[in-house]
């Protein structure tokens, strides 16, 4: 399994706008992501104290995780977020070495 992590930062004064944009983006992204093979879990969230966004997803293979790179809907959301001043870090894919399942 692969965990794909995308992080970004924004100005603290923009928290409400960025959080709202991220939530609204879910409505546009969920159907597109669900249509991709191999997605096991997807999480998107904000952290007010750090003025940060995280998108973390779990995929069955690296090939499936890398589908996100070319997903048109994700590219559009990235463009929208960057237009609001969001600064993205390079995306990192991690191979899972161990896990806990309740």
C-alpha atoms as a PDB file:
ATOM      1  CA  UNK A   1       0.000   0.000   0.000  1.00  0.00           C
ATOM      2  CA  UNK A   2       0.957   3.617  -0.605  1.00  0.00           C
ATOM      3  CA  UNK A   3       0.114   6.758   1.386  1.00  0.00           C
ATOM      4  CA  UNK A   4       0.165   9.893  -0.777  1.00  0.00           C
ATOM      5  CA  UNK A   5       0.626  13.143   1.157  1.00  0.00           C
ATOM      6  CA  UNK A   6       0.164  16.657  -0.173  1.00  0.00           C
ATOM      7  CA  UNK A   7       0.694  19.617   2.155  1.00  0.00           C
ATOM      8  CA  UNK A   8       0.269  23.337   1.635  1.00  0.00           C
ATOM      9  CA  UNK A   9       0.345  26.588   3.591  1.00  0.00           C
ATOM     10  CA  UNK A  10      -1.551  29.861   3.393  1.00  0.00           C
ATOM     11  CA  UNK A  11      -1.787  33.183   5.228  1.00  0.00           C
ATOM     12  CA  UNK A  12      -3.515  32.859   8.616  1.00  0.00           C
ATOM     13  CA  UNK A  13      -5.960  35.641   7.762  1.00  0.00           C
ATOM     14  CA  UNK A  14      -7.326  33.498   4.914  1.00  0.00           C
ATOM     15  CA  UNK A  15      -8.275  30.501   7.044  1.00  0.00           C
ATOM     16  CA  UNK A  16     -12.066  30.730   6.607  1.00  0.00           C
ATOM     17  CA  UNK A  17     -11.833  31.237   2.846  1.00  0.00           C
ATOM     18  CA  UNK A  18      -9.313  28.421   2.332  1.00  0.00           C
ATOM     19  CA  UNK A  19     -11.203  26.009   4.595  1.00  0.00           C
ATOM     20  CA  UNK A  20     -14.448  26.762   2.726  1.00  0.00           C
ATOM     21  CA  UNK A  21     -12.735  26.340  -0.640  1.00  0.00           C
ATOM     22  CA  UNK A  22     -11.297  22.986   0.452  1.00  0.00           C
ATOM     23  CA  UNK A  23     -14.723  21.762   1.641  1.00  0.00           C
ATOM     24  CA  UNK A  24     -16.414  22.934  -1.561  1.00  0.00           C
ATOM     25  CA  UNK A  25     -13.676  21.274  -3.600  1.00  0.00           C
ATOM     26  CA  UNK A  26     -14.671  17.958  -2.084  1.00  0.00           C
ATOM     27  CA  UNK A  27     -17.985  18.098  -3.951  1.00  0.00           C
ATOM     28  CA  UNK A  28     -16.069  18.442  -7.210  1.00  0.00           C
ATOM     29  CA  UNK A  29     -13.319  15.946  -6.394  1.00  0.00           C
ATOM     30  CA  UNK A  30     -15.081  13.048  -4.682  1.00  0.00           C
ATOM     31  CA  UNK A  31     -16.814  11.685  -7.800  1.00  0.00           C
ATOM     32  CA  UNK A  32     -13.594  11.906  -9.834  1.00  0.00           C
ATOM     33  CA  UNK A  33     -11.479  10.248  -7.139  1.00  0.00           C
ATOM     34  CA  UNK A  34     -14.066   7.507  -6.568  1.00  0.00           C
ATOM     35  CA  UNK A  35     -13.863   6.679 -10.276  1.00  0.00           C
ATOM     36  CA  UNK A  36     -10.130   5.934  -9.994  1.00  0.00           C
ATOM     37  CA  UNK A  37      -9.070   2.364  -9.329  1.00  0.00           C
ATOM     38  CA  UNK A  38      -7.090   1.603  -6.201  1.00  0.00           C
ATOM     39  CA  UNK A  39      -8.163   4.384  -3.805  1.00  0.00           C
ATOM     40  CA  UNK A  40      -8.708   2.875  -0.359  1.00  0.00           C
ATOM     41  CA  UNK A  41      -9.086   6.068   1.717  1.00  0.00           C
ATOM     42  CA  UNK A  42      -8.892   9.819   1.149  1.00  0.00           C
ATOM     43  CA  UNK A  43      -8.644  12.584   3.747  1.00  0.00           C
ATOM     44  CA  UNK A  44      -8.504  16.363   3.275  1.00  0.00           C
ATOM     45  CA  UNK A  45      -8.208  18.805   6.131  1.00  0.00           C
ATOM     46  CA  UNK A  46      -7.018  22.132   7.445  1.00  0.00           C
ATOM     47  CA  UNK A  47      -5.090  23.168  10.536  1.00  0.00           C
ATOM     48  CA  UNK A  48      -5.890  26.683  11.735  1.00  0.00           C
ATOM     49  CA  UNK A  49      -2.856  27.010  14.050  1.00  0.00           C
ATOM     50  CA  UNK A  50      -0.414  26.023  11.307  1.00  0.00           C
ATOM     51  CA  UNK A  51      -2.308  27.726   8.439  1.00  0.00           C
ATOM     52  CA  UNK A  52      -1.947  24.444   6.588  1.00  0.00           C
ATOM     53  CA  UNK A  53      -3.796  21.983   4.389  1.00  0.00           C
ATOM     54  CA  UNK A  54      -3.230  18.270   4.093  1.00  0.00           C
ATOM     55  CA  UNK A  55      -4.531  15.789   1.559  1.00  0.00           C
ATOM     56  CA  UNK A  56      -3.644  12.231   2.531  1.00  0.00           C
ATOM     57  CA  UNK A  57      -4.805   9.206   0.602  1.00  0.00           C
ATOM     58  CA  UNK A  58      -4.188   5.480   0.761  1.00  0.00           C
ATOM     59  CA  UNK A  59      -3.781   3.509  -2.455  1.00  0.00           C
ATOM     60  CA  UNK A  60      -3.190  -0.123  -3.241  1.00  0.00           C
ATOM     61  CA  UNK A  61      -0.222   0.564  -5.564  1.00  0.00           C
ATOM     62  CA  UNK A  62       2.139   3.404  -6.469  1.00  0.00           C
ATOM     63  CA  UNK A  63       0.778   3.364 -10.020  1.00  0.00           C
ATOM     64  CA  UNK A  64      -2.713   3.998  -8.670  1.00  0.00           C
ATOM     65  CA  UNK A  65      -1.517   6.757  -6.315  1.00  0.00           C
ATOM     66  CA  UNK A  66       0.180   8.533  -9.189  1.00  0.00           C
ATOM     67  CA  UNK A  67      -3.135   8.810 -11.063  1.00  0.00           C
ATOM     68  CA  UNK A  68      -3.752  11.891  -8.932  1.00  0.00           C
ATOM     69  CA  UNK A  69      -0.952  13.729 -10.736  1.00  0.00           C
ATOM     70  CA  UNK A  70      -2.903  13.835 -13.988  1.00  0.00           C
ATOM     71  CA  UNK A  71      -6.469  14.021 -12.627  1.00  0.00           C
ATOM     72  CA  UNK A  72      -8.011  17.055 -14.344  1.00  0.00           C
ATOM     73  CA  UNK A  73     -10.296  17.884 -11.419  1.00  0.00           C
ATOM     74  CA  UNK A  74      -7.359  17.870  -8.997  1.00  0.00           C
ATOM     75  CA  UNK A  75      -5.305  20.094 -11.298  1.00  0.00           C
ATOM     76  CA  UNK A  76      -8.226  22.558 -11.410  1.00  0.00           C
ATOM     77  CA  UNK A  77      -8.495  22.612  -7.599  1.00  0.00           C
ATOM     78  CA  UNK A  78      -4.748  23.187  -7.310  1.00  0.00           C
ATOM     79  CA  UNK A  79      -4.976  26.105  -9.711  1.00  0.00           C
ATOM     80  CA  UNK A  80      -7.881  27.563  -7.737  1.00  0.00           C
ATOM     81  CA  UNK A  81      -6.026  27.209  -4.436  1.00  0.00           C
ATOM     82  CA  UNK A  82      -2.831  28.744  -5.836  1.00  0.00           C
ATOM     83  CA  UNK A  83      -4.895  31.701  -7.112  1.00  0.00           C
ATOM     84  CA  UNK A  84      -5.869  32.282  -3.457  1.00  0.00           C
ATOM     85  CA  UNK A  85      -2.222  32.283  -2.346  1.00  0.00           C
ATOM     86  CA  UNK A  86      -1.921  28.660  -1.209  1.00  0.00           C
ATOM     87  CA  UNK A  87       1.668  27.397  -1.448  1.00  0.00           C
ATOM     88  CA  UNK A  88       2.026  23.652  -2.090  1.00  0.00           C
ATOM     89  CA  UNK A  89       4.951  21.491  -1.005  1.00  0.00           C
ATOM     90  CA  UNK A  90       6.125  18.647  -3.260  1.00  0.00           C
ATOM     91  CA  UNK A  91       3.839  15.614  -3.012  1.00  0.00           C
ATOM     92  CA  UNK A  92       5.383  12.532  -1.420  1.00  0.00           C
ATOM     93  CA  UNK A  93       4.284   8.914  -1.800  1.00  0.00           C
ATOM     94  CA  UNK A  94       5.182   6.602   1.092  1.00  0.00           C
ATOM     95  CA  UNK A  95       5.290   2.821   1.006  1.00  0.00           C
ATOM     96  CA  UNK A  96       3.507   1.373   4.035  1.00  0.00           C
ATOM     97  CA  UNK A  97       5.799  -0.681   6.264  1.00  0.00           C
ATOM     98  CA  UNK A  98       3.230  -1.480   8.944  1.00  0.00           C
ATOM     99  CA  UNK A  99      -0.311  -0.595   9.985  1.00  0.00           C
ATOM    100  CA  UNK A 100      -2.814  -0.937  12.826  1.00  0.00           C
ATOM    101  CA  UNK A 101      -6.418  -1.766  12.033  1.00  0.00           C
ATOM    102  CA  UNK A 102      -8.959  -1.562  14.876  1.00  0.00           C
END
